[in-house]
C-alpha atoms as a PDB file:
ATOM      1  CA  MET A   1      17.220  26.174  22.296  1.00  0.00           C
ATOM      2  CA  ASN A   2      19.966  23.540  22.273  1.00  0.00           C
ATOM      3  CA  LEU A   3      20.102  20.195  23.947  1.00  0.00           C
ATOM      4  CA  LYS A   4      21.699  21.416  27.355  1.00  0.00           C
ATOM      5  CA  GLN A   5      18.716  23.931  27.756  1.00  0.00           C
ATOM      6  CA  LEU A   6      16.500  21.401  27.254  1.00  0.00           C
ATOM      7  CA  ALA A   7      17.764  18.824  29.448  1.00  0.00           C
ATOM      8  CA  HIS A   8      18.288  21.864  32.355  1.00  0.00           C
ATOM      9  CA  MET A   9      14.580  22.750  31.954  1.00  0.00           C
ATOM     10  CA  LEU A  10      13.138  19.128  32.160  1.00  0.00           C
ATOM     11  CA  ALA A  11      15.473  18.483  35.282  1.00  0.00           C
ATOM     12  CA  LEU A  12      17.079  15.655  33.140  1.00  0.00           C
ATOM     13  CA  SER A  13      20.321  14.340  31.765  1.00  0.00           C
ATOM     14  CA  GLN A  14      21.260  15.495  28.265  1.00  0.00           C
ATOM     15  CA  THR A  15      21.886  11.859  27.577  1.00  0.00           C
ATOM     16  CA  THR A  16      18.157  10.718  28.735  1.00  0.00           C
ATOM     17  CA  VAL A  17      16.688  13.546  26.617  1.00  0.00           C
ATOM     18  CA  SER A  18      18.736  12.707  23.284  1.00  0.00           C
ATOM     19  CA  ARG A  19      18.172   9.019  23.785  1.00  0.00           C
ATOM     20  CA  ALA A  20      14.499  10.014  24.547  1.00  0.00           C
ATOM     21  CA  LEU A  21      14.623  12.097  21.490  1.00  0.00           C
ATOM     22  CA  ASN A  22      16.060   9.379  19.263  1.00  0.00           C
ATOM     23  CA  GLY A  23      13.561   6.366  20.437  1.00  0.00           C
ATOM     24  CA  TYR A  24      15.729   4.131  22.526  1.00  0.00           C
ATOM     25  CA  PRO A  25      13.734   1.565  23.955  1.00  0.00           C
ATOM     26  CA  GLU A  26      15.114   1.894  27.517  1.00  0.00           C
ATOM     27  CA  VAL A  27      13.650   5.487  28.252  1.00  0.00           C
ATOM     28  CA  ASN A  28      10.113   5.051  29.222  1.00  0.00           C
ATOM     29  CA  GLU A  29       6.694   6.297  27.689  1.00  0.00           C
ATOM     30  CA  GLU A  30       6.142   8.821  30.315  1.00  0.00           C
ATOM     31  CA  THR A  31       9.782  10.447  29.957  1.00  0.00           C
ATOM     32  CA  ARG A  32       9.522  10.255  26.203  1.00  0.00           C
ATOM     33  CA  GLY A  33       6.283  11.502  25.934  1.00  0.00           C
ATOM     34  CA  ARG A  34       7.479  14.719  28.354  1.00  0.00           C
ATOM     35  CA  VAL A  35      10.984  15.461  26.411  1.00  0.00           C
ATOM     36  CA  MET A  36       8.645  14.923  23.226  1.00  0.00           C
ATOM     37  CA  ASP A  37       6.102  17.372  24.360  1.00  0.00           C
ATOM     38  CA  ALA A  38       8.514  20.211  25.462  1.00  0.00           C
ATOM     39  CA  ALA A  39      10.964  19.791  22.325  1.00  0.00           C
ATOM     40  CA  LYS A  40       8.006  20.560  20.170  1.00  0.00           C
ATOM     41  CA  ARG A  41       6.554  23.542  21.985  1.00  0.00           C
ATOM     42  CA  HIS A  42       9.887  25.105  22.250  1.00  0.00           C
ATOM     43  CA  GLY A  43      10.953  24.564  19.063  1.00  0.00           C
ATOM     44  CA  TYR A  44      13.970  22.326  19.526  1.00  0.00           C
ATOM     45  CA  ARG A  45      15.345  20.863  16.458  1.00  0.00           C
ATOM     46  CA  PRO A  46      18.411  18.345  17.028  1.00  0.00           C
ATOM     47  CA  ASN A  47      21.378  19.256  14.839  1.00  0.00           C
ATOM     48  CA  PRO A  48      21.117  16.148  12.131  1.00  0.00           C
ATOM     49  CA  SER A  49      25.230  16.171  12.266  1.00  0.00           C
ATOM     50  CA  ALA A  50      25.864  16.254  16.045  1.00  0.00           C
ATOM     51  CA  ARG A  51      22.545  13.554  16.193  1.00  0.00           C
ATOM     52  CA  ARG A  52      24.256  11.165  13.592  1.00  0.00           C
ATOM     53  CA  LEU A  53      27.384  11.399  15.607  1.00  0.00           C
ATOM     54  CA  ALA A  54      26.147  10.422  18.577  1.00  0.00           C
ATOM     55  CA  THR A  55      23.291   7.782  17.475  1.00  0.00           C
ATOM     56  CA  GLY A  56      25.230   6.438  14.424  1.00  0.00           C
ATOM     57  CA  LYS A  57      21.743   7.416  12.729  1.00  0.00           C
ATOM     58  CA  SER A  58      20.459   9.839  10.028  1.00  0.00           C
ATOM     59  CA  GLY A  59      17.261  10.082  10.959  1.00  0.00           C
ATOM     60  CA  MET A  60      16.125   9.015   7.656  1.00  0.00           C
ATOM     61  CA  ILE A  61      14.138   6.472   5.754  1.00  0.00           C
ATOM     62  CA  GLY A  62      15.188   5.352   2.107  1.00  0.00           C
ATOM     63  CA  TYR A  63      12.852   4.547  -0.719  1.00  0.00           C
ATOM     64  CA  VAL A  64      14.469   3.427  -4.334  1.00  0.00           C
ATOM     65  CA  LEU A  65      12.176   4.948  -6.724  1.00  0.00           C
ATOM     66  CA  PRO A  66      12.066   3.166 -10.312  1.00  0.00           C
ATOM     67  CA  THR A  67      12.188   5.596 -13.018  1.00  0.00           C
ATOM     68  CA  GLY A  68      12.067   5.355 -17.067  1.00  0.00           C
ATOM     69  CA  ALA A  69       9.768   5.611 -19.785  1.00  0.00           C
ATOM     70  CA  ALA A  70       7.758   2.542 -19.004  1.00  0.00           C
ATOM     71  CA  VAL A  71       7.108   3.521 -15.060  1.00  0.00           C
ATOM     72  CA  ASP A  72       4.454   5.202 -13.748  1.00  0.00           C
ATOM     73  CA  ILE A  73       3.972   6.774 -10.709  1.00  0.00           C
ATOM     74  CA  ASP A  74      -0.070   6.839 -10.161  1.00  0.00           C
ATOM     75  CA  PRO A  75      -2.400   8.233  -7.490  1.00  0.00           C
ATOM     76  CA  HIS A  76      -2.272   5.041  -5.241  1.00  0.00           C
ATOM     77  CA  PHE A  77       1.684   5.316  -4.698  1.00  0.00           C
ATOM     78  CA  VAL A  78       1.468   9.450  -3.878  1.00  0.00           C
ATOM     79  CA  GLU A  79      -1.260   8.454  -1.349  1.00  0.00           C
ATOM     80  CA  PHE A  80       0.331   5.564  -0.086  1.00  0.00           C
ATOM     81  CA  LEU A  81       3.450   8.239   0.323  1.00  0.00           C
ATOM     82  CA  SER A  82       1.016  10.880   1.889  1.00  0.00           C
ATOM     83  CA  GLY A  83       0.412   8.609   4.776  1.00  0.00           C
ATOM     84  CA  LEU A  84       3.945   7.358   5.331  1.00  0.00           C
ATOM     85  CA  GLY A  85       5.221  11.367   5.174  1.00  0.00           C
ATOM     86  CA  ASP A  86       2.239  12.522   7.774  1.00  0.00           C
ATOM     87  CA  TYR A  87       3.831   9.840   9.952  1.00  0.00           C
ATOM     88  CA  ALA A  88       7.437  10.617   9.263  1.00  0.00           C
ATOM     89  CA  ARG A  89       7.102  14.424   9.703  1.00  0.00           C
ATOM     90  CA  SER A  90       5.422  13.987  13.341  1.00  0.00           C
ATOM     91  CA  HIS A  91       8.246  12.211  14.433  1.00  0.00           C
ATOM     92  CA  GLU A  92      11.288  13.705  13.011  1.00  0.00           C
ATOM     93  CA  LEU A  93      12.222  11.244  10.222  1.00  0.00           C
ATOM     94  CA  ASP A  94      12.994  12.163   6.797  1.00  0.00           C
ATOM     95  CA  LEU A  95      12.132  10.300   3.466  1.00  0.00           C
ATOM     96  CA  VAL A  96      14.823  10.005   1.062  1.00  0.00           C
ATOM     97  CA  LEU A  97      14.007   8.858  -2.611  1.00  0.00           C
ATOM     98  CA  SER A  98      16.885   7.576  -4.670  1.00  0.00           C
ATOM     99  CA  PRO A  99      15.323   7.363  -8.187  1.00  0.00           C
ATOM    100  CA  THR A 100      16.972   4.617 -10.449  1.00  0.00           C
ATOM    101  CA  ASP A 101      16.970   2.805 -13.456  1.00  0.00           C
ATOM    102  CA  ALA A 102      14.064   0.170 -13.006  1.00  0.00           C
ATOM    103  CA  ASP A 103      16.194  -2.662 -14.252  1.00  0.00           C
ATOM    104  CA  ASP A 104      19.113  -1.644 -11.623  1.00  0.00           C
ATOM    105  CA  GLN A 105      17.684  -1.262  -8.517  1.00  0.00           C
ATOM    106  CA  GLU A 106      19.754  -3.915  -6.834  1.00  0.00           C
ATOM    107  CA  THR A 107      22.943  -1.530  -7.449  1.00  0.00           C
ATOM    108  CA  THR A 108      21.109   1.488  -5.702  1.00  0.00           C
ATOM    109  CA  TYR A 109      19.908  -0.846  -2.374  1.00  0.00           C
ATOM    110  CA  ARG A 110      23.601  -1.346  -1.945  1.00  0.00           C
ATOM    111  CA  ARG A 111      25.308   1.856  -2.797  1.00  0.00           C
ATOM    112  CA  ILE A 112      22.333   3.669  -0.269  1.00  0.00           C
ATOM    113  CA  VAL A 113      23.429   0.665   2.353  1.00  0.00           C
ATOM    114  CA  ALA A 114      27.272   1.120   1.937  1.00  0.00           C
ATOM    115  CA  ASN A 115      27.131   4.771   2.473  1.00  0.00           C
ATOM    116  CA  ARG A 116      25.114   4.534   5.264  1.00  0.00           C
ATOM    117  CA  GLN A 117      22.758   7.171   4.053  1.00  0.00           C
ATOM    118  CA  VAL A 118      19.341   6.015   5.205  1.00  0.00           C
ATOM    119  CA  ASP A 119      18.571   4.119   8.545  1.00  0.00           C
ATOM    120  CA  ALA A 120      16.054   1.867   6.836  1.00  0.00           C
ATOM    121  CA  VAL A 121      14.093   0.954   3.632  1.00  0.00           C
ATOM    122  CA  TYR A 122      11.005   0.252   2.688  1.00  0.00           C
ATOM    123  CA  ILE A 123       9.922  -1.739  -0.565  1.00  0.00           C
ATOM    124  CA  SER A 124       6.674  -1.856  -2.259  1.00  0.00           C
ATOM    125  CA  SER A 125       5.147  -3.155  -5.537  1.00  0.00           C
ATOM    126  CA  PRO A 126       6.434  -6.602  -4.773  1.00  0.00           C
ATOM    127  CA  ARG A 127       6.447  -9.663  -6.885  1.00  0.00           C
ATOM    128  CA  PRO A 128       6.620 -13.263  -6.492  1.00  0.00           C
ATOM    129  CA  GLN A 129      10.147 -14.201  -5.323  1.00  0.00           C
ATOM    130  CA  ASP A 130      10.823 -10.492  -5.863  1.00  0.00           C
ATOM    131  CA  SER A 131      14.851 -10.117  -6.138  1.00  0.00           C
ATOM    132  CA  ARG A 132      14.704  -6.682  -4.014  1.00  0.00           C
ATOM    133  CA  VAL A 133      13.400  -8.618  -1.185  1.00  0.00           C
ATOM    134  CA  ALA A 134      16.146 -11.362  -1.144  1.00  0.00           C
ATOM    135  CA  LEU A 135      18.963  -8.714  -1.615  1.00  0.00           C
ATOM    136  CA  VAL A 136      17.803  -6.604   1.335  1.00  0.00           C
ATOM    137  CA  ASN A 137      17.442  -9.141   3.342  1.00  0.00           C
ATOM    138  CA  THR A 138      21.159 -10.009   3.166  1.00  0.00           C
ATOM    139  CA  LEU A 139      22.457  -6.271   3.784  1.00  0.00           C
ATOM    140  CA  GLY A 140      22.071  -5.847   7.358  1.00  0.00           C
ATOM    141  CA  ILE A 141      19.811  -2.528   6.879  1.00  0.00           C
ATOM    142  CA  PRO A 142      16.003  -2.553   8.758  1.00  0.00           C
ATOM    143  CA  PHE A 143      13.254  -2.810   6.199  1.00  0.00           C
ATOM    144  CA  ILE A 144       9.603  -3.653   5.541  1.00  0.00           C
ATOM    145  CA  VAL A 145       7.923  -4.795   2.554  1.00  0.00           C
ATOM    146  CA  HIS A 146       4.363  -3.281   1.699  1.00  0.00           C
ATOM    147  CA  GLY A 147       2.691  -6.177  -0.064  1.00  0.00           C
ATOM    148  CA  ARG A 148       4.156  -9.681  -0.061  1.00  0.00           C
ATOM    149  CA  SER A 149       6.800 -11.448  -2.263  1.00  0.00           C
ATOM    150  CA  GLU A 150       6.024 -15.331  -2.177  1.00  0.00           C
ATOM    151  CA  GLY A 151       8.474 -18.215  -2.597  1.00  0.00           C
ATOM    152  CA  PHE A 152      11.281 -17.543  -0.224  1.00  0.00           C
ATOM    153  CA  ASP A 153      12.361 -19.888   2.031  1.00  0.00           C
ATOM    154  CA  PHE A 154      12.996 -17.395   4.610  1.00  0.00           C
ATOM    155  CA  ASP A 155      10.661 -15.142   6.282  1.00  0.00           C
ATOM    156  CA  TYR A 156      10.691 -11.191   6.592  1.00  0.00           C
ATOM    157  CA  PRO A 157       8.391  -8.055   7.525  1.00  0.00           C
ATOM    158  CA  TYR A 158       5.739  -6.808   5.705  1.00  0.00           C
ATOM    159  CA  LEU A 159       2.276  -5.039   6.064  1.00  0.00           C
ATOM    160  CA  ASP A 160      -0.191  -6.190   3.369  1.00  0.00           C
ATOM    161  CA  ILE A 161      -4.290  -6.451   3.177  1.00  0.00           C
ATOM    162  CA  ASP A 162      -6.255  -9.562   2.490  1.00  0.00           C
ATOM    163  CA  ASN A 163      -6.397  -9.166  -1.282  1.00  0.00           C
ATOM    164  CA  GLU A 164      -7.367 -12.826  -1.651  1.00  0.00           C
ATOM    165  CA  GLY A 165      -9.883 -12.842   0.847  1.00  0.00           C
ATOM    166  CA  ALA A 166     -11.307  -9.454  -0.192  1.00  0.00           C
ATOM    167  CA  PHE A 167     -12.233 -10.278  -3.824  1.00  0.00           C
ATOM    168  CA  HIS A 168     -13.364 -13.713  -2.535  1.00  0.00           C
ATOM    169  CA  GLU A 169     -15.867 -12.052  -0.749  1.00  0.00           C
ATOM    170  CA  ALA A 170     -16.873  -9.789  -3.597  1.00  0.00           C
ATOM    171  CA  ALA A 171     -17.240 -12.353  -5.944  1.00  0.00           C
ATOM    172  CA  ARG A 172     -19.474 -14.588  -3.315  1.00  0.00           C
ATOM    173  CA  LEU A 173     -21.550 -11.796  -3.232  1.00  0.00           C
ATOM    174  CA  LEU A 174     -22.124 -11.474  -6.668  1.00  0.00           C
ATOM    175  CA  VAL A 175     -22.331 -15.277  -7.303  1.00  0.00           C
ATOM    176  CA  GLN A 176     -25.148 -15.200  -4.268  1.00  0.00           C
ATOM    177  CA  LEU A 177     -26.632 -12.806  -6.521  1.00  0.00           C
ATOM    178  CA  GLY A 178     -27.192 -14.790  -9.280  1.00  0.00           C
ATOM    179  CA  HIS A 179     -24.185 -14.030 -11.599  1.00  0.00           C
ATOM    180  CA  ARG A 180     -22.494 -17.015 -13.692  1.00  0.00           C
ATOM    181  CA  ARG A 181     -20.054 -14.758 -15.985  1.00  0.00           C
ATOM    182  CA  LEU A 182     -17.802 -12.361 -13.831  1.00  0.00           C
ATOM    183  CA  ALA A 183     -15.041 -10.410 -15.119  1.00  0.00           C
ATOM    184  CA  LEU A 184     -11.659  -9.362 -13.289  1.00  0.00           C
ATOM    185  CA  ILE A 185     -10.229  -5.769 -14.696  1.00  0.00           C
ATOM    186  CA  ASN A 186      -7.056  -6.182 -12.485  1.00  0.00           C
ATOM    187  CA  GLY A 187      -3.644  -4.721 -11.602  1.00  0.00           C
ATOM    188  CA  ASP A 188      -0.477  -5.744 -13.191  1.00  0.00           C
ATOM    189  CA  ASP A 189      -0.670  -9.620 -12.786  1.00  0.00           C
ATOM    190  CA  ARG A 190       3.116  -9.604 -12.165  1.00  0.00           C
ATOM    191  CA  GLU A 191       2.623  -7.940  -8.770  1.00  0.00           C
ATOM    192  CA  THR A 192       1.646 -10.404  -6.061  1.00  0.00           C
ATOM    193  CA  PHE A 193      -1.626  -7.851  -4.900  1.00  0.00           C
ATOM    194  CA  ALA A 194      -2.881  -8.844  -8.653  1.00  0.00           C
ATOM    195  CA  ILE A 195      -2.537 -12.435  -8.019  1.00  0.00           C
ATOM    196  CA  HIS A 196      -4.085 -12.898  -4.740  1.00  0.00           C
ATOM    197  CA  ARG A 197      -6.960 -10.986  -5.886  1.00  0.00           C
ATOM    198  CA  GLU A 198      -7.444 -13.048  -9.089  1.00  0.00           C
ATOM    199  CA  ARG A 199      -6.776 -15.929  -6.959  1.00  0.00           C
ATOM    200  CA  GLY A 200      -9.608 -14.935  -4.353  1.00  0.00           C
ATOM    201  CA  LEU A 201     -11.960 -14.434  -7.410  1.00  0.00           C
ATOM    202  CA  ARG A 202     -11.072 -17.551  -8.662  1.00  0.00           C
ATOM    203  CA  ARG A 203     -11.794 -19.752  -5.493  1.00  0.00           C
ATOM    204  CA  ALA A 204     -15.140 -18.156  -4.831  1.00  0.00           C
ATOM    205  CA  LEU A 205     -15.927 -19.167  -8.448  1.00  0.00           C
ATOM    206  CA  ALA A 206     -15.205 -22.489  -8.107  1.00  0.00           C
ATOM    207  CA  ALA A 207     -16.837 -23.199  -4.555  1.00  0.00           C
ATOM    208  CA  SER A 208     -19.936 -22.767  -6.756  1.00  0.00           C
ATOM    209  CA  GLY A 209     -19.020 -25.100 -10.003  1.00  0.00           C
ATOM    210  CA  LEU A 210     -18.173 -21.687 -12.008  1.00  0.00           C
ATOM    211  CA  ALA A 211     -14.822 -21.150 -13.715  1.00  0.00           C
ATOM    212  CA  LEU A 212     -13.672 -17.530 -14.629  1.00  0.00           C
ATOM    213  CA  GLU A 213     -12.711 -17.356 -18.227  1.00  0.00           C
ATOM    214  CA  ASP A 214      -9.265 -16.448 -19.657  1.00  0.00           C
ATOM    215  CA  ARG A 215     -11.168 -13.684 -21.886  1.00  0.00           C
ATOM    216  CA  HIS A 216     -13.098 -12.212 -19.215  1.00  0.00           C
ATOM    217  CA  VAL A 217      -9.761 -11.412 -17.253  1.00  0.00           C
ATOM    218  CA  CYS A 218      -7.964  -7.764 -18.257  1.00  0.00           C
ATOM    219  CA  SER A 219      -4.593  -6.904 -16.704  1.00  0.00           C
ATOM    220  CA  LEU A 220      -3.646  -3.472 -16.732  1.00  0.00           C
ATOM    221  CA  VAL A 221      -2.016  -0.534 -15.570  1.00  0.00           C
ATOM    222  CA  MET A 222      -4.794   1.132 -13.108  1.00  0.00           C
ATOM    223  CA  THR A 223      -5.939   4.034 -15.064  1.00  0.00           C
ATOM    224  CA  GLU A 224      -9.465   5.592 -15.747  1.00  0.00           C
ATOM    225  CA  GLU A 225      -8.616   5.262 -19.644  1.00  0.00           C
ATOM    226  CA  ASN A 226      -7.530   1.222 -19.269  1.00  0.00           C
ATOM    227  CA  GLY A 227     -10.593   0.728 -17.148  1.00  0.00           C
ATOM    228  CA  TYR A 228     -12.712   2.524 -20.146  1.00  0.00           C
ATOM    229  CA  ARG A 229     -11.063   0.121 -22.720  1.00  0.00           C
ATOM    230  CA  ALA A 230     -11.333  -3.088 -20.609  1.00  0.00           C
ATOM    231  CA  ALA A 231     -14.590  -2.548 -19.950  1.00  0.00           C
ATOM    232  CA  ARG A 232     -15.375  -1.610 -23.766  1.00  0.00           C
ATOM    233  CA  ARG A 233     -13.613  -5.170 -24.826  1.00  0.00           C
ATOM    234  CA  LEU A 234     -15.484  -7.008 -22.171  1.00  0.00           C
ATOM    235  CA  LEU A 235     -18.916  -6.089 -22.616  1.00  0.00           C
ATOM    236  CA  GLU A 236     -19.039  -5.857 -26.495  1.00  0.00           C
ATOM    237  CA  GLN A 237     -17.850  -9.524 -26.499  1.00  0.00           C
ATOM    238  CA  ASP A 238     -20.281 -12.494 -27.243  1.00  0.00           C
ATOM    239  CA  GLY A 239     -21.163 -14.048 -23.436  1.00  0.00           C
ATOM    240  CA  ALA A 240     -20.447 -10.980 -21.960  1.00  0.00           C
ATOM    241  CA  PRO A 241     -20.128 -10.930 -17.652  1.00  0.00           C
ATOM    242  CA  THR A 242     -23.041  -9.812 -15.798  1.00  0.00           C
ATOM    243  CA  ALA A 243     -20.857  -8.470 -13.185  1.00  0.00           C
ATOM    244  CA  ILE A 244     -17.239  -7.114 -12.822  1.00  0.00           C
ATOM    245  CA  ALA A 245     -14.578  -6.777 -10.201  1.00  0.00           C
ATOM    246  CA  CYS A 246     -12.339  -4.072 -10.846  1.00  0.00           C
ATOM    247  CA  SER A 247      -9.382  -3.585  -8.789  1.00  0.00           C
ATOM    248  CA  SER A 248      -9.056   0.216  -8.770  1.00  0.00           C
ATOM    249  CA  LEU A 249     -11.613   3.040  -7.888  1.00  0.00           C
ATOM    250  CA  ILE A 250     -10.218   4.913 -10.683  1.00  0.00           C
ATOM    251  CA  MET A 251     -10.385   2.065 -13.274  1.00  0.00           C
ATOM    252  CA  ALA A 252     -14.161   1.812 -12.318  1.00  0.00           C
ATOM    253  CA  LEU A 253     -14.414   5.505 -13.538  1.00  0.00           C
ATOM    254  CA  GLY A 254     -13.511   4.182 -16.967  1.00  0.00           C
ATOM    255  CA  VAL A 255     -15.930   1.088 -16.548  1.00  0.00           C
ATOM    256  CA  VAL A 256     -18.896   3.039 -15.658  1.00  0.00           C
ATOM    257  CA  ARG A 257     -18.256   5.470 -18.653  1.00  0.00           C
ATOM    258  CA  ALA A 258     -17.828   2.580 -20.766  1.00  0.00           C
ATOM    259  CA  VAL A 259     -21.057   1.418 -19.384  1.00  0.00           C
ATOM    260  CA  ARG A 260     -22.544   4.367 -20.360  1.00  0.00           C
ATOM    261  CA  ASP A 261     -21.434   4.740 -23.786  1.00  0.00           C
ATOM    262  CA  LEU A 262     -22.465   1.297 -24.792  1.00  0.00           C
ATOM    263  CA  GLY A 263     -25.839   2.592 -23.773  1.00  0.00           C
ATOM    264  CA  LEU A 264     -25.988  -0.139 -20.707  1.00  0.00           C
ATOM    265  CA  SER A 265     -26.977   0.717 -17.241  1.00  0.00           C
ATOM    266  CA  ILE A 266     -25.713  -0.333 -13.821  1.00  0.00           C
ATOM    267  CA  PRO A 267     -26.870  -2.079 -11.757  1.00  0.00           C
ATOM    268  CA  GLY A 268     -29.450  -3.158 -14.360  1.00  0.00           C
ATOM    269  CA  ASP A 269     -27.027  -4.701 -17.044  1.00  0.00           C
ATOM    270  CA  VAL A 270     -23.772  -5.302 -15.277  1.00  0.00           C
ATOM    271  CA  SER A 271     -22.814  -5.107 -11.727  1.00  0.00           C
ATOM    272  CA  LEU A 272     -19.895  -3.509 -10.499  1.00  0.00           C
ATOM    273  CA  ILE A 273     -17.715  -3.828  -7.476  1.00  0.00           C
ATOM    274  CA  ALA A 274     -14.125  -2.210  -6.966  1.00  0.00           C
ATOM    275  CA  HIS A 275     -11.403  -1.824  -4.590  1.00  0.00           C
ATOM    276  CA  ASP A 276     -11.241   1.546  -3.175  1.00  0.00           C
ATOM    277  CA  ASP A 277      -7.704   2.702  -1.353  1.00  0.00           C
ATOM    278  CA  VAL A 278      -9.640   5.603   0.241  1.00  0.00           C
ATOM    279  CA  PHE A 279      -8.872   8.488  -1.919  1.00  0.00           C
ATOM    280  CA  PRO A 280      -9.965  11.819  -0.071  1.00  0.00           C
ATOM    281  CA  TRP A 281     -10.985  12.754  -3.586  1.00  0.00           C
ATOM    282  CA  LEU A 282     -12.626  10.423  -5.361  1.00  0.00           C
ATOM    283  CA  LYS A 283     -15.585   8.597  -2.892  1.00  0.00           C
ATOM    284  CA  PRO A 284     -17.431   5.656  -3.983  1.00  0.00           C
ATOM    285  CA  GLU A 285     -20.655   6.869  -2.625  1.00  0.00           C
ATOM    286  CA  ASN A 286     -20.417  10.169  -5.353  1.00  0.00           C
ATOM    287  CA  PHE A 287     -20.302   7.998  -8.470  1.00  0.00           C
ATOM    288  CA  SER A 288     -23.864   8.429 -10.372  1.00  0.00           C
ATOM    289  CA  VAL A 289     -24.823   4.619  -9.048  1.00  0.00           C
ATOM    290  CA  PRO A 290     -23.140   4.470  -5.382  1.00  0.00           C
ATOM    291  CA  LEU A 291     -20.464   1.885  -6.119  1.00  0.00           C
ATOM    292  CA  SER A 292     -19.736  -1.146  -3.734  1.00  0.00           C
ATOM    293  CA  THR A 293     -16.334  -1.521  -2.419  1.00  0.00           C
ATOM    294  CA  THR A 294     -13.925  -3.479  -1.130  1.00  0.00           C
ATOM    295  CA  ARG A 295     -12.281  -0.927   1.325  1.00  0.00           C
ATOM    296  CA  SER A 296      -8.774  -0.255   3.030  1.00  0.00           C
ATOM    297  CA  SER A 297      -7.095   2.897   3.299  1.00  0.00           C
ATOM    298  CA  ILE A 298      -3.847   3.110   1.141  1.00  0.00           C
ATOM    299  CA  ARG A 299      -2.954   6.456   3.339  1.00  0.00           C
ATOM    300  CA  LEU A 300      -3.298   4.473   6.658  1.00  0.00           C
ATOM    301  CA  ALA A 301      -0.733   1.508   5.339  1.00  0.00           C
ATOM    302  CA  GLY A 302       1.526   4.254   4.606  1.00  0.00           C
ATOM    303  CA  ALA A 303       1.661   5.703   7.899  1.00  0.00           C
ATOM    304  CA  ARG A 304       1.858   2.219   9.836  1.00  0.00           C
ATOM    305  CA  ILE A 305       4.597   0.983   7.531  1.00  0.00           C
ATOM    306  CA  ALA A 306       6.592   4.502   8.596  1.00  0.00           C
ATOM    307  CA  GLU A 307       5.573   3.387  12.451  1.00  0.00           C
ATOM    308  CA  ARG A 308       7.160  -0.240  11.717  1.00  0.00           C
ATOM    309  CA  LEU A 309      10.027   1.504  10.374  1.00  0.00           C
ATOM    310  CA  ALA A 310      10.592   3.842  13.243  1.00  0.00           C
ATOM    311  CA  ALA A 311      10.012   1.086  15.579  1.00  0.00           C
ATOM    312  CA  ARG A 312      12.699  -1.314  13.676  1.00  0.00           C
ATOM    313  CA  ILE A 313      15.072   1.695  13.815  1.00  0.00           C
ATOM    314  CA  SER A 314      14.933   2.375  17.692  1.00  0.00           C
ATOM    315  CA  GLY A 315      15.350  -1.536  18.040  1.00  0.00           C
ATOM    316  CA  LEU A 316      11.339  -1.334  19.420  1.00  0.00           C
ATOM    317  CA  GLU A 317      10.729  -4.370  16.925  1.00  0.00           C
ATOM    318  CA  GLU A 318      12.761  -6.928  15.929  1.00  0.00           C
ATOM    319  CA  GLY A 319      12.309  -9.933  13.541  1.00  0.00           C
ATOM    320  CA  ALA A 320      10.273 -10.815  10.539  1.00  0.00           C
ATOM    321  CA  ARG A 321       6.417  -9.964  11.463  1.00  0.00           C
ATOM    322  CA  GLY A 322       3.971 -10.050   8.772  1.00  0.00           C
ATOM    323  CA  GLU A 323       1.076  -8.125   9.276  1.00  0.00           C
ATOM    324  CA  VAL A 324      -2.204  -8.730   7.204  1.00  0.00           C
ATOM    325  CA  TRP A 325      -5.161  -6.189   7.567  1.00  0.00           C
ATOM    326  CA  PRO A 326      -8.769  -7.543   6.320  1.00  0.00           C
ATOM    327  CA  VAL A 327     -10.833  -5.773   4.251  1.00  0.00           C
ATOM    328  CA  ASP A 328     -14.297  -4.362   4.430  1.00  0.00           C
ATOM    329  CA  LEU A 329     -16.933  -5.285   1.956  1.00  0.00           C
ATOM    330  CA  VAL A 330     -19.144  -2.081   1.476  1.00  0.00           C
ATOM    331  CA  VAL A 331     -22.369  -2.856  -0.509  1.00  0.00           C
ATOM    332  CA  ARG A 332     -23.820  -0.024  -2.447  1.00  0.00           C
ATOM    333  CA  GLY A 333     -26.185   0.546  -5.191  1.00  0.00           C
ATOM    334  CA  SER A 334     -23.537  -0.710  -7.946  1.00  0.00           C
ATOM    335  CA  VAL A 335     -24.889  -4.686  -7.725  1.00  0.00           C
ATOM    336  CA  ALA A 336     -27.943  -6.212  -8.295  1.00  0.00           C
ATOM    337  CA  GLY A 337     -29.379  -9.590  -9.497  1.00  0.00           C
ATOM    338  CA  ALA A 338     -28.381 -11.148 -12.445  1.00  0.00           C
ATOM    339  CA  PRO A 339     -30.513  -9.895 -15.511  1.00  0.00           C
ATOM    340  CA  ALA A 340     -32.627 -12.370 -16.919  1.00  0.00           C
END
């Protein structure tokens, strides 16, 4: 079925049908819904070249993918991408990955914008005063940041979770249970999410007159093996922590293995709380001791990023709106009072 046939069947003009399919804000929601339902039911697919000529839009979201020996594509990224892809697929959007040297991402951003390859881009894993955010903010293309980058004198659109609040509440619970020596097994502390998590934990300890010792902080790529090595180092030292906050469920797998190998127990010798990105294949309640977590779905974040990018492409969203999701604290069997 072509556009003319679809419009005739719906008793609408071809212009109205085209605008409904391409997300123009002047088409009301009832008409847009009728058009989208009919297009799906009859298998209508707009010709990409014709759509681009008619609308000036490619129907593509871009992501600059850093590559190289020092770059790890971890399950967190894949899960986020799954959520983004689910939304994009159901809304006739494509995702374009542009591989680039990790140290020269800005050149790739300039190229894809200059070539008009994509309608919008998203930026992930931001750091304070991230040069990518500063650049894209000047290029005149719709964008959104997954996370936050601090230190700018301008606002920009982003979606983040309350990392600081999450780890503040986790640490406050552990302090209330009598723990005085806490440790943090964190992600890359050059990235804002990790900075916020450490900040939240330190703030909770300070409120009770306690401090997070530097020797009790580990900053690592979030893998099971790194979780294991960090936990061994923490638990084998004098004055070992009685509670650990961990930035990833994947790292927590390694912590649990280290505790077992050292002949210790959770929560008898050490309490454990980890952040749960809600992987469908790794559930905290299925750990040998059900794991207490701070919980927020990274897949839903991916879908929301795609939804907001689609809105920015169509003009339904404008401005530099930040969005911060609260994080749930789910208490299970892996926390208890501090050992005597």
